[in-house]
Amino acid sequence: MILGFVIAWLLIDLSEAGAIEPVTALYLIALPLMDAAAVLLRRRFSGRAVTAAGRDHFHHLLRNRGFSVSGTVAIIHTLALLMAAVGIGLEMLR
């Protein structure tokens, strides 16, 4: 959790300093944000507490589908890089 906090703080600081656009900061952390939102919605609609522990995060779903740990990491990193590339590319195109 501390790593997520530090990354979020760094992105907020960079966007406030004008080094990156605020929307680009969102693209850089899009996958963890979408994962958290999906987990919260899934838990809410299933009647569970949204703060309850569970194995319904994206990496758990990939592991349950039979992907290895290294395969799961590769998929998550590839998706995160693609989302970041889209955000940075759109910022460069304005």
N, C-alpha and C. Protein backbone atom coordinates (compact mmCIF):
# COMPACT_ATOMS: atom_id res chain seq x y z
N MET A 1 0.82 -1.19 0.00
CA MET A 1 0.00 0.00 0.00
C MET A 1 0.86 1.26 0.00
N ILE A 2 2.00 1.18 0.67
CA ILE A 2 2.88 2.36 0.70
C ILE A 2 3.42 2.66 -0.69
N LEU A 3 3.68 1.63 -1.47
CA LEU A 3 4.17 1.84 -2.83
C LEU A 3 3.11 2.56 -3.67
N GLY A 4 1.86 2.14 -3.56
CA GLY A 4 0.78 2.80 -4.27
C GLY A 4 0.62 4.24 -3.85
N PHE A 5 0.75 4.49 -2.55
CA PHE A 5 0.66 5.86 -2.04
C PHE A 5 1.78 6.73 -2.60
N VAL A 6 3.00 6.21 -2.62
CA VAL A 6 4.15 6.98 -3.12
C VAL A 6 3.99 7.27 -4.61
N ILE A 7 3.53 6.27 -5.37
CA ILE A 7 3.34 6.48 -6.81
C ILE A 7 2.26 7.53 -7.06
N ALA A 8 1.15 7.43 -6.34
CA ALA A 8 0.07 8.42 -6.49
C ALA A 8 0.55 9.81 -6.10
N TRP A 9 1.28 9.90 -5.00
CA TRP A 9 1.81 11.20 -4.57
C TRP A 9 2.74 11.77 -5.63
N LEU A 10 3.62 10.93 -6.18
CA LEU A 10 4.56 11.39 -7.20
C LEU A 10 3.82 11.89 -8.44
N LEU A 11 2.81 11.17 -8.88
CA LEU A 11 2.06 11.59 -10.05
C LEU A 11 1.29 12.88 -9.80
N ILE A 12 0.73 13.03 -8.62
CA ILE A 12 0.05 14.29 -8.28
C ILE A 12 1.04 15.43 -8.28
N ASP A 13 2.21 15.21 -7.69
CA ASP A 13 3.25 16.24 -7.63
C ASP A 13 3.71 16.62 -9.03
N LEU A 14 3.92 15.62 -9.89
CA LEU A 14 4.35 15.90 -11.26
C LEU A 14 3.28 16.66 -12.05
N SER A 15 2.03 16.32 -11.83
CA SER A 15 0.98 17.02 -12.57
C SER A 15 0.79 18.44 -12.05
N GLU A 16 0.95 18.65 -10.76
CA GLU A 16 0.83 20.01 -10.23
C GLU A 16 2.00 20.88 -10.64
N ALA A 17 3.17 20.27 -10.84
CA ALA A 17 4.34 21.02 -11.28
C ALA A 17 4.30 21.32 -12.77
N GLY A 18 3.35 20.70 -13.47
CA GLY A 18 3.24 20.94 -14.91
C GLY A 18 4.11 20.02 -15.75
N ALA A 19 4.76 19.04 -15.13
CA ALA A 19 5.62 18.12 -15.88
C ALA A 19 4.79 17.17 -16.73
N ILE A 20 3.61 16.80 -16.24
CA ILE A 20 2.70 15.96 -17.01
C ILE A 20 1.28 16.50 -16.81
N GLU A 21 0.42 16.17 -17.75
CA GLU A 21 -0.99 16.56 -17.63
C GLU A 21 -1.66 15.65 -16.58
N PRO A 22 -2.63 16.17 -15.86
CA PRO A 22 -3.32 15.33 -14.87
C PRO A 22 -3.94 14.07 -15.46
N VAL A 23 -4.48 14.17 -16.68
CA VAL A 23 -5.08 12.99 -17.29
C VAL A 23 -4.02 11.94 -17.62
N THR A 24 -2.81 12.36 -17.90
CA THR A 24 -1.73 11.41 -18.17
C THR A 24 -1.39 10.63 -16.91
N ALA A 25 -1.45 11.29 -15.77
CA ALA A 25 -1.22 10.59 -14.51
C ALA A 25 -2.25 9.47 -14.33
N LEU A 26 -3.49 9.74 -14.74
CA LEU A 26 -4.52 8.70 -14.65
C LEU A 26 -4.24 7.54 -15.58
N TYR A 27 -3.76 7.82 -16.78
CA TYR A 27 -3.41 6.74 -17.70
C TYR A 27 -2.27 5.89 -17.14
N LEU A 28 -1.34 6.51 -16.44
CA LEU A 28 -0.20 5.77 -15.91
C LEU A 28 -0.60 4.79 -14.80
N ILE A 29 -1.68 5.08 -14.11
CA ILE A 29 -2.15 4.16 -13.06
C ILE A 29 -3.53 3.62 -13.39
N ALA A 30 -3.87 3.54 -14.68
CA ALA A 30 -5.20 3.13 -15.10
C ALA A 30 -5.54 1.71 -14.67
N LEU A 31 -4.62 0.79 -14.83
CA LEU A 31 -4.93 -0.61 -14.52
C LEU A 31 -5.24 -0.81 -13.03
N PRO A 32 -4.43 -0.30 -12.10
CA PRO A 32 -4.80 -0.46 -10.69
C PRO A 32 -6.11 0.25 -10.33
N LEU A 33 -6.37 1.40 -10.95
CA LEU A 33 -7.63 2.10 -10.68
C LEU A 33 -8.83 1.31 -11.18
N MET A 34 -8.73 0.76 -12.38
CA MET A 34 -9.83 -0.03 -12.92
C MET A 34 -10.02 -1.32 -12.13
N ASP A 35 -8.93 -1.93 -11.69
CA ASP A 35 -9.02 -3.13 -10.88
C ASP A 35 -9.74 -2.84 -9.57
N ALA A 36 -9.36 -1.76 -8.91
CA ALA A 36 -9.98 -1.40 -7.64
C ALA A 36 -11.47 -1.10 -7.83
N ALA A 37 -11.81 -0.38 -8.90
CA ALA A 37 -13.21 -0.06 -9.17
C ALA A 37 -14.02 -1.33 -9.45
N ALA A 38 -13.44 -2.24 -10.24
CA ALA A 38 -14.14 -3.48 -10.56
C ALA A 38 -14.37 -4.33 -9.31
N VAL A 39 -13.37 -4.41 -8.45
CA VAL A 39 -13.51 -5.18 -7.22
C VAL A 39 -14.58 -4.57 -6.32
N LEU A 40 -14.55 -3.25 -6.17
CA LEU A 40 -15.56 -2.59 -5.35
C LEU A 40 -16.97 -2.83 -5.88
N LEU A 41 -17.15 -2.72 -7.19
CA LEU A 41 -18.47 -2.94 -7.78
C LEU A 41 -18.91 -4.40 -7.63
N ARG A 42 -17.98 -5.33 -7.89
CA ARG A 42 -18.31 -6.75 -7.75
C ARG A 42 -18.75 -7.07 -6.33
N ARG A 43 -18.03 -6.56 -5.37
CA ARG A 43 -18.36 -6.82 -3.97
C ARG A 43 -19.68 -6.15 -3.58
N ARG A 44 -19.89 -4.97 -4.07
CA ARG A 44 -21.12 -4.22 -3.74
C ARG A 44 -22.35 -4.96 -4.27
N PHE A 45 -22.26 -5.39 -5.54
CA PHE A 45 -23.41 -6.05 -6.16
C PHE A 45 -23.64 -7.47 -5.65
N SER A 46 -22.59 -8.08 -5.08
CA SER A 46 -22.77 -9.42 -4.53
C SER A 46 -23.22 -9.38 -3.07
N GLY A 47 -23.32 -8.18 -2.50
CA GLY A 47 -23.80 -8.04 -1.13
C GLY A 47 -22.72 -8.14 -0.07
N ARG A 48 -21.47 -8.26 -0.50
CA ARG A 48 -20.37 -8.32 0.47
C ARG A 48 -19.91 -6.91 0.81
N ALA A 49 -19.21 -6.80 1.92
CA ALA A 49 -18.63 -5.51 2.29
C ALA A 49 -17.53 -5.16 1.29
N VAL A 50 -17.51 -3.90 0.84
CA VAL A 50 -16.51 -3.51 -0.16
C VAL A 50 -15.10 -3.54 0.40
N THR A 51 -14.97 -3.49 1.72
CA THR A 51 -13.64 -3.53 2.33
C THR A 51 -13.22 -4.93 2.76
N ALA A 52 -14.06 -5.91 2.50
CA ALA A 52 -13.75 -7.28 2.89
C ALA A 52 -12.61 -7.83 2.03
N ALA A 53 -11.82 -8.69 2.62
CA ALA A 53 -10.74 -9.33 1.87
C ALA A 53 -11.34 -10.33 0.89
N GLY A 54 -10.62 -10.58 -0.17
CA GLY A 54 -11.12 -11.54 -1.14
C GLY A 54 -10.07 -11.82 -2.19
N ARG A 55 -10.39 -12.79 -3.01
CA ARG A 55 -9.49 -13.18 -4.09
C ARG A 55 -10.12 -12.81 -5.43
N ASP A 56 -10.62 -11.59 -5.53
CA ASP A 56 -11.29 -11.18 -6.76
C ASP A 56 -10.59 -10.03 -7.48
N HIS A 57 -9.33 -9.81 -7.16
CA HIS A 57 -8.55 -8.83 -7.92
C HIS A 57 -8.10 -9.45 -9.25
N PHE A 58 -7.70 -8.60 -10.17
CA PHE A 58 -7.35 -9.03 -11.52
C PHE A 58 -6.28 -10.12 -11.51
N HIS A 59 -5.26 -9.97 -10.67
CA HIS A 59 -4.20 -10.97 -10.67
C HIS A 59 -4.71 -12.31 -10.14
N HIS A 60 -5.65 -12.30 -9.21
CA HIS A 60 -6.24 -13.55 -8.74
C HIS A 60 -7.07 -14.20 -9.84
N LEU A 61 -7.81 -13.40 -10.59
CA LEU A 61 -8.62 -13.94 -11.67
C LEU A 61 -7.75 -14.58 -12.75
N LEU A 62 -6.63 -13.95 -13.06
CA LEU A 62 -5.71 -14.53 -14.04
C LEU A 62 -5.11 -15.84 -13.52
N ARG A 63 -4.72 -15.86 -12.26
CA ARG A 63 -4.16 -17.08 -11.67
C ARG A 63 -5.19 -18.19 -11.66
N ASN A 64 -6.45 -17.86 -11.36
CA ASN A 64 -7.52 -18.86 -11.36
C ASN A 64 -7.79 -19.41 -12.75
N ARG A 65 -7.48 -18.63 -13.77
CA ARG A 65 -7.64 -19.07 -15.17
C ARG A 65 -6.50 -19.99 -15.61
N GLY A 66 -5.51 -20.19 -14.74
CA GLY A 66 -4.43 -21.12 -15.06
C GLY A 66 -3.12 -20.49 -15.48
N PHE A 67 -3.04 -19.16 -15.46
CA PHE A 67 -1.78 -18.51 -15.81
C PHE A 67 -0.78 -18.68 -14.67
N SER A 68 0.46 -18.81 -15.03
CA SER A 68 1.52 -18.90 -14.03
C SER A 68 1.74 -17.52 -13.42
N VAL A 69 2.54 -17.48 -12.37
CA VAL A 69 2.84 -16.19 -11.74
C VAL A 69 3.56 -15.28 -12.73
N SER A 70 4.54 -15.82 -13.43
CA SER A 70 5.29 -14.99 -14.39
C SER A 70 4.40 -14.59 -15.57
N GLY A 71 3.48 -15.46 -15.99
CA GLY A 71 2.55 -15.11 -17.05
C GLY A 71 1.59 -14.01 -16.62
N THR A 72 1.13 -14.11 -15.38
CA THR A 72 0.24 -13.08 -14.83
C THR A 72 0.95 -11.73 -14.76
N VAL A 73 2.17 -11.74 -14.29
CA VAL A 73 2.95 -10.50 -14.21
C VAL A 73 3.17 -9.93 -15.60
N ALA A 74 3.47 -10.79 -16.57
CA ALA A 74 3.70 -10.32 -17.94
C ALA A 74 2.43 -9.69 -18.52
N ILE A 75 1.28 -10.31 -18.29
CA ILE A 75 0.01 -9.78 -18.79
C ILE A 75 -0.28 -8.42 -18.16
N ILE A 76 -0.14 -8.33 -16.85
CA ILE A 76 -0.43 -7.08 -16.15
C ILE A 76 0.52 -5.97 -16.59
N HIS A 77 1.80 -6.28 -16.70
CA HIS A 77 2.76 -5.26 -17.14
C HIS A 77 2.49 -4.82 -18.57
N THR A 78 2.15 -5.77 -19.45
CA THR A 78 1.85 -5.41 -20.84
C THR A 78 0.63 -4.50 -20.92
N LEU A 79 -0.43 -4.86 -20.21
CA LEU A 79 -1.63 -4.01 -20.21
C LEU A 79 -1.34 -2.62 -19.63
N ALA A 80 -0.58 -2.56 -18.55
CA ALA A 80 -0.25 -1.27 -17.94
C ALA A 80 0.61 -0.43 -18.89
N LEU A 81 1.56 -1.06 -19.56
CA LEU A 81 2.40 -0.33 -20.52
C LEU A 81 1.57 0.18 -21.70
N LEU A 82 0.64 -0.64 -22.19
CA LEU A 82 -0.21 -0.20 -23.29
C LEU A 82 -1.07 0.99 -22.90
N MET A 83 -1.65 0.94 -21.71
CA MET A 83 -2.47 2.06 -21.24
C MET A 83 -1.63 3.32 -21.05
N ALA A 84 -0.45 3.17 -20.50
CA ALA A 84 0.44 4.32 -20.32
C ALA A 84 0.86 4.88 -21.68
N ALA A 85 1.16 4.00 -22.63
CA ALA A 85 1.57 4.45 -23.97
C ALA A 85 0.43 5.21 -24.66
N VAL A 86 -0.79 4.72 -24.51
CA VAL A 86 -1.94 5.42 -25.08
C VAL A 86 -2.06 6.81 -24.46
N GLY A 87 -1.95 6.90 -23.15
CA GLY A 87 -2.06 8.19 -22.48
C GLY A 87 -0.98 9.16 -22.89
N ILE A 88 0.25 8.70 -22.92
CA ILE A 88 1.37 9.57 -23.30
C ILE A 88 1.26 9.95 -24.77
N GLY A 89 0.87 8.98 -25.60
CA GLY A 89 0.69 9.26 -27.03
C GLY A 89 -0.40 10.31 -27.27
N LEU A 90 -1.51 10.18 -26.56
CA LEU A 90 -2.59 11.16 -26.71
C LEU A 90 -2.16 12.53 -26.20
N GLU A 91 -1.35 12.55 -25.14
CA GLU A 91 -0.87 13.84 -24.66
C GLU A 91 0.05 14.49 -25.69
N MET A 92 0.87 13.70 -26.33
CA MET A 92 1.78 14.26 -27.34
C MET A 92 1.01 14.75 -28.57
N LEU A 93 -0.10 14.10 -28.89
CA LEU A 93 -0.91 14.53 -30.04
C LEU A 93 -1.82 15.71 -29.72
N ARG A 94 -2.05 15.90 -28.43
CA ARG A 94 -2.96 16.95 -27.93
C ARG A 94 -4.34 16.67 -28.44
